[in-house]
Protein backbone atom coordinates (compact mmCIF):
# COMPACT_ATOMS: atom_id res chain seq x y z
CA MET A 1 9.99 -7.12 -14.61
CA GLY A 2 6.79 -9.15 -14.87
CA ILE A 3 8.08 -11.75 -12.42
CA GLY A 4 9.06 -9.05 -9.93
CA LEU A 5 5.57 -7.54 -10.04
CA ARG A 6 3.98 -10.96 -9.72
CA SER A 7 6.13 -11.74 -6.69
CA MET A 8 5.36 -8.33 -5.22
CA ALA A 9 1.63 -8.89 -5.74
CA LEU A 10 1.79 -12.24 -3.92
CA GLN A 11 3.74 -10.69 -1.05
CA SER A 12 1.30 -7.75 -0.96
CA LYS A 13 -1.63 -10.16 -0.67
CA HIS A 14 0.04 -11.75 2.35
CA ILE A 15 0.63 -8.36 3.95
CA LEU A 16 -2.86 -7.18 3.09
CA LYS A 17 -4.33 -10.29 4.66
CA ARG A 18 -2.68 -9.28 7.94
CA ALA A 19 -3.57 -5.60 7.52
CA SER A 20 -7.18 -6.30 6.64
CA SER A 21 -7.65 -8.36 9.78
CA VAL A 22 -7.60 -5.08 11.70
CA VAL A 23 -11.05 -3.98 12.81
CA ASP A 24 -12.82 -1.27 10.75
CA VAL A 25 -11.37 -2.18 7.35
CA PRO A 26 -14.30 -2.85 5.00
CA LYS A 27 -14.25 -5.80 2.62
CA GLY A 28 -12.44 -4.94 -0.61
CA HIS A 29 -10.18 -2.41 1.12
CA CYS A 30 -6.86 -2.48 2.93
CA ALA A 31 -5.09 -0.36 5.47
CA VAL A 32 -1.86 1.35 4.46
CA TYR A 33 0.45 3.49 6.55
CA VAL A 34 1.87 6.53 4.79
CA GLY A 35 4.52 9.01 5.78
CA GLU A 36 8.21 9.64 5.90
CA THR A 37 8.56 9.87 9.67
CA GLU A 38 5.17 9.83 11.40
CA LYS A 39 2.82 7.34 9.75
CA LYS A 40 -0.83 8.08 9.00
CA ARG A 41 -3.28 5.23 8.38
CA PHE A 42 -5.42 5.22 5.23
CA ILE A 43 -8.04 2.75 4.05
CA VAL A 44 -7.84 2.27 0.27
CA PRO A 45 -9.67 0.01 -2.20
CA VAL A 46 -7.77 -3.15 -3.08
CA SER A 47 -8.25 -2.21 -6.75
CA TYR A 48 -5.60 0.49 -6.27
CA LEU A 49 -2.98 -2.27 -6.10
CA ASN A 50 -3.31 -2.76 -9.87
CA HIS A 51 -2.76 0.89 -10.72
CA PRO A 52 0.75 1.58 -12.14
CA ALA A 53 1.33 4.62 -9.93
CA PHE A 54 0.38 2.65 -6.81
CA GLN A 55 2.65 -0.20 -7.89
CA ASP A 56 5.48 2.32 -8.07
CA LEU A 57 4.79 3.20 -4.44
CA LEU A 58 4.80 -0.50 -3.56
CA SER A 59 8.18 -0.91 -5.24
CA ARG A 60 9.58 1.96 -3.19
CA ALA A 61 8.11 0.42 -0.04
CA GLU A 62 9.76 -2.90 -0.88
CA GLU A 63 13.13 -1.20 -1.40
CA GLU A 64 12.92 0.66 1.90
CA PHE A 65 11.17 -1.80 4.20
CA GLY A 66 11.04 -5.19 2.50
CA PHE A 67 7.87 -7.16 3.13
CA ASP A 68 8.28 -7.83 6.83
CA HIS A 69 7.82 -4.40 8.35
CA PRO A 70 7.34 -4.24 12.13
CA MET A 71 4.10 -2.20 11.86
CA GLY A 72 2.45 -5.35 10.49
CA GLY A 73 0.82 -3.47 7.63
CA LEU A 74 1.67 -2.09 4.26
CA THR A 75 3.84 1.00 4.85
CA ILE A 76 4.44 3.47 2.03
CA PRO A 77 7.40 5.85 2.39
CA CYS A 78 6.15 9.06 0.79
CA LYS A 79 4.72 12.36 1.91
CA VAL A 80 1.12 12.16 3.04
CA SER A 81 0.20 15.06 0.76
CA ALA A 82 1.67 13.24 -2.27
CA PHE A 83 -0.27 10.08 -1.37
CA VAL A 84 -3.51 12.03 -1.00
CA ASP A 85 -2.94 13.71 -4.38
CA LEU A 86 -2.21 10.36 -6.05
CA THR A 87 -5.24 8.60 -4.61
CA SER A 88 -7.44 11.57 -5.54
CA GLN A 89 -6.26 11.28 -9.14
CA MET A 90 -6.83 7.51 -9.09
CA ARG A 91 -10.34 7.99 -7.74
CA ALA A 92 -11.12 10.58 -10.44
CA SER A 93 -10.00 8.34 -13.32
């Protein structure tokens, strides 16, 4: 499991490098696209990538999209409301 997470982290860094090249993403943050059908763009701190709940979302994204998604950014397949709730909890802790 550790090797899978390490590999995922390296792949995420590559994706984030492309996503963070988009204008209006502050240093230390990355753009993610969230939604089951229509995607909404969020800017989140890179530190979220280390949080276990966020890593679970990344695993689901890998299963559904792989690491070469046509949107060119990190796409997370969950409901926007669930993502907002999760990031609110992460921000509070």
